[in-house]
Amino acid sequence: MQLAAASGLMGLLFFVIAVAVLALLAGGFWMNSREKYREPPRPRPEEQPQLPPEGAVHEIRENRESQEVPVTPKGGRPLTPYELSNLDSRPSDSKERPRWSKGSSGSFGGGGLGAH
């Protein structure tokens, strides 16, 4: 008799838990629909980005050189990062592309044999 009562109580407990999970899922869908309603509408086709009048922008391949860091005079104090200006890069006069050494993969841990 007691075993049947405990089994019925467990069934009722599982049913209550299932109803609570379903209520949480339904609440999540309801909250999501409220958020979607608040979002601005999707852009119309005429509001989509357009190509520039001169056409698509193409990639430019060029070699760049960085500016040299100023040399510290002998016995002088080294410059701090705050004293350095932005060291921009500039186009290189050389059109030859830099290459890795022969037999090297070009990256650390890239699986190549490395330079011997």
Protein backbone atom coordinates (compact mmCIF):
# COMPACT_ATOMS: atom_id res chain seq x y z
CA MET A 1 0.00 0.00 0.00
CA GLN A 2 2.76 2.46 0.88
CA LEU A 3 4.69 1.64 -2.29
CA ALA A 4 1.73 2.57 -4.48
CA ALA A 5 1.28 5.91 -2.65
CA ALA A 6 4.94 6.83 -3.13
CA SER A 7 4.76 5.90 -6.82
CA GLY A 8 1.69 8.12 -7.30
CA LEU A 9 3.43 10.98 -5.54
CA MET A 10 6.49 10.60 -7.79
CA GLY A 11 4.27 10.65 -10.89
CA LEU A 12 2.60 13.84 -9.66
CA LEU A 13 6.00 15.41 -8.95
CA PHE A 14 7.25 14.60 -12.49
CA PHE A 15 4.05 16.03 -13.94
CA VAL A 16 4.46 19.30 -11.98
CA ILE A 17 8.12 19.56 -13.10
CA ALA A 18 7.13 18.96 -16.75
CA VAL A 19 4.44 21.66 -16.56
CA ALA A 20 6.98 24.08 -15.02
CA VAL A 21 9.50 23.39 -17.81
CA LEU A 22 6.81 23.92 -20.44
CA ALA A 23 5.78 27.17 -18.76
CA LEU A 24 9.42 28.37 -18.83
CA LEU A 25 9.72 27.51 -22.53
CA ALA A 26 6.45 29.29 -23.36
CA GLY A 27 7.60 32.32 -21.37
CA GLY A 28 10.89 32.36 -23.29
CA PHE A 29 9.07 32.34 -26.63
CA TRP A 30 6.76 35.10 -25.44
CA MET A 31 9.67 37.28 -24.28
CA ASN A 32 11.51 36.68 -27.56
CA SER A 33 8.49 37.75 -29.59
CA ARG A 34 8.23 40.95 -27.52
CA GLU A 35 11.91 41.75 -28.21
CA LYS A 36 11.50 41.11 -31.94
CA TYR A 37 8.48 43.42 -32.00
CA ARG A 38 10.60 46.25 -30.52
CA GLU A 39 13.37 45.90 -33.14
CA PRO A 40 13.38 48.28 -36.09
CA PRO A 41 12.06 46.77 -39.32
CA ARG A 42 14.42 45.21 -41.84
CA PRO A 43 15.75 47.59 -44.48
CA ARG A 44 13.83 47.74 -47.73
CA PRO A 45 15.65 46.94 -51.01
CA GLU A 46 16.13 50.64 -51.82
CA GLU A 47 17.77 51.15 -48.40
CA GLN A 48 20.40 48.44 -49.03
CA PRO A 49 24.03 49.49 -49.61
CA GLN A 50 24.87 50.33 -53.21
CA LEU A 51 28.12 50.01 -55.17
CA PRO A 52 30.07 53.24 -55.63
CA PRO A 53 29.60 54.91 -59.04
CA GLU A 54 33.12 53.92 -60.12
CA GLY A 55 32.36 50.24 -59.47
CA ALA A 56 33.62 47.68 -57.01
CA VAL A 57 36.70 48.47 -54.96
CA HIS A 58 39.60 46.17 -55.81
CA GLU A 59 42.46 44.99 -53.67
CA ILE A 60 45.78 46.78 -54.08
CA ARG A 61 48.86 44.68 -53.43
CA GLU A 62 51.89 46.65 -52.35
CA ASN A 63 54.84 46.22 -50.05
CA ARG A 64 54.97 48.51 -47.05
CA GLU A 65 57.92 49.66 -44.96
CA SER A 66 57.71 50.86 -41.41
CA GLN A 67 59.46 53.99 -40.21
CA GLU A 68 62.54 53.44 -38.13
CA VAL A 69 62.43 53.96 -34.38
CA PRO A 70 64.69 56.88 -33.40
CA VAL A 71 68.10 55.74 -32.16
CA THR A 72 68.89 56.61 -28.56
CA PRO A 73 72.08 58.71 -28.26
CA LYS A 74 74.93 57.10 -26.33
CA GLY A 75 74.38 57.75 -22.64
CA GLY A 76 70.93 59.18 -23.35
CA ARG A 77 67.63 58.11 -21.93
CA PRO A 78 65.53 55.75 -24.12
CA LEU A 79 62.20 57.10 -25.32
CA THR A 80 59.06 55.89 -23.66
CA PRO A 81 56.04 54.80 -25.70
CA TYR A 82 54.37 58.10 -24.81
CA GLU A 83 57.22 60.09 -26.36
CA LEU A 84 57.08 58.20 -29.66
CA SER A 85 54.70 59.42 -32.30
CA ASN A 86 52.59 57.07 -34.39
CA LEU A 87 55.11 55.23 -36.53
CA ASP A 88 53.18 54.88 -39.75
CA SER A 89 54.14 52.72 -42.67
CA ARG A 90 54.83 53.93 -46.19
CA PRO A 91 54.86 52.27 -49.61
CA SER A 92 58.11 50.50 -50.36
CA ASP A 93 60.21 51.32 -53.43
CA SER A 94 60.96 47.62 -53.86
CA LYS A 95 58.33 45.64 -55.78
CA GLU A 96 59.88 42.30 -54.78
CA ARG A 97 57.71 40.41 -52.33
CA PRO A 98 59.46 39.19 -49.17
CA ARG A 99 59.87 35.41 -49.10
CA TRP A 100 60.53 32.97 -46.30
CA SER A 101 63.76 31.05 -46.24
CA LYS A 102 63.86 27.92 -48.38
CA GLY A 103 62.48 24.90 -46.55
CA SER A 104 60.63 27.04 -44.01
CA SER A 105 56.88 27.06 -43.70
CA GLY A 106 56.85 30.76 -42.88
CA SER A 107 55.08 30.41 -39.59
CA PHE A 108 55.98 29.21 -36.13
CA GLY A 109 54.74 25.66 -35.67
CA GLY A 110 53.46 25.48 -39.26
CA GLY A 111 54.75 21.95 -39.77
CA GLY A 112 57.63 22.77 -42.08
CA LEU A 113 61.12 21.40 -41.77
CA GLY A 114 62.50 24.78 -40.84
CA ALA A 115 65.72 26.35 -42.02
CA HIS A 116 68.69 23.97 -41.73
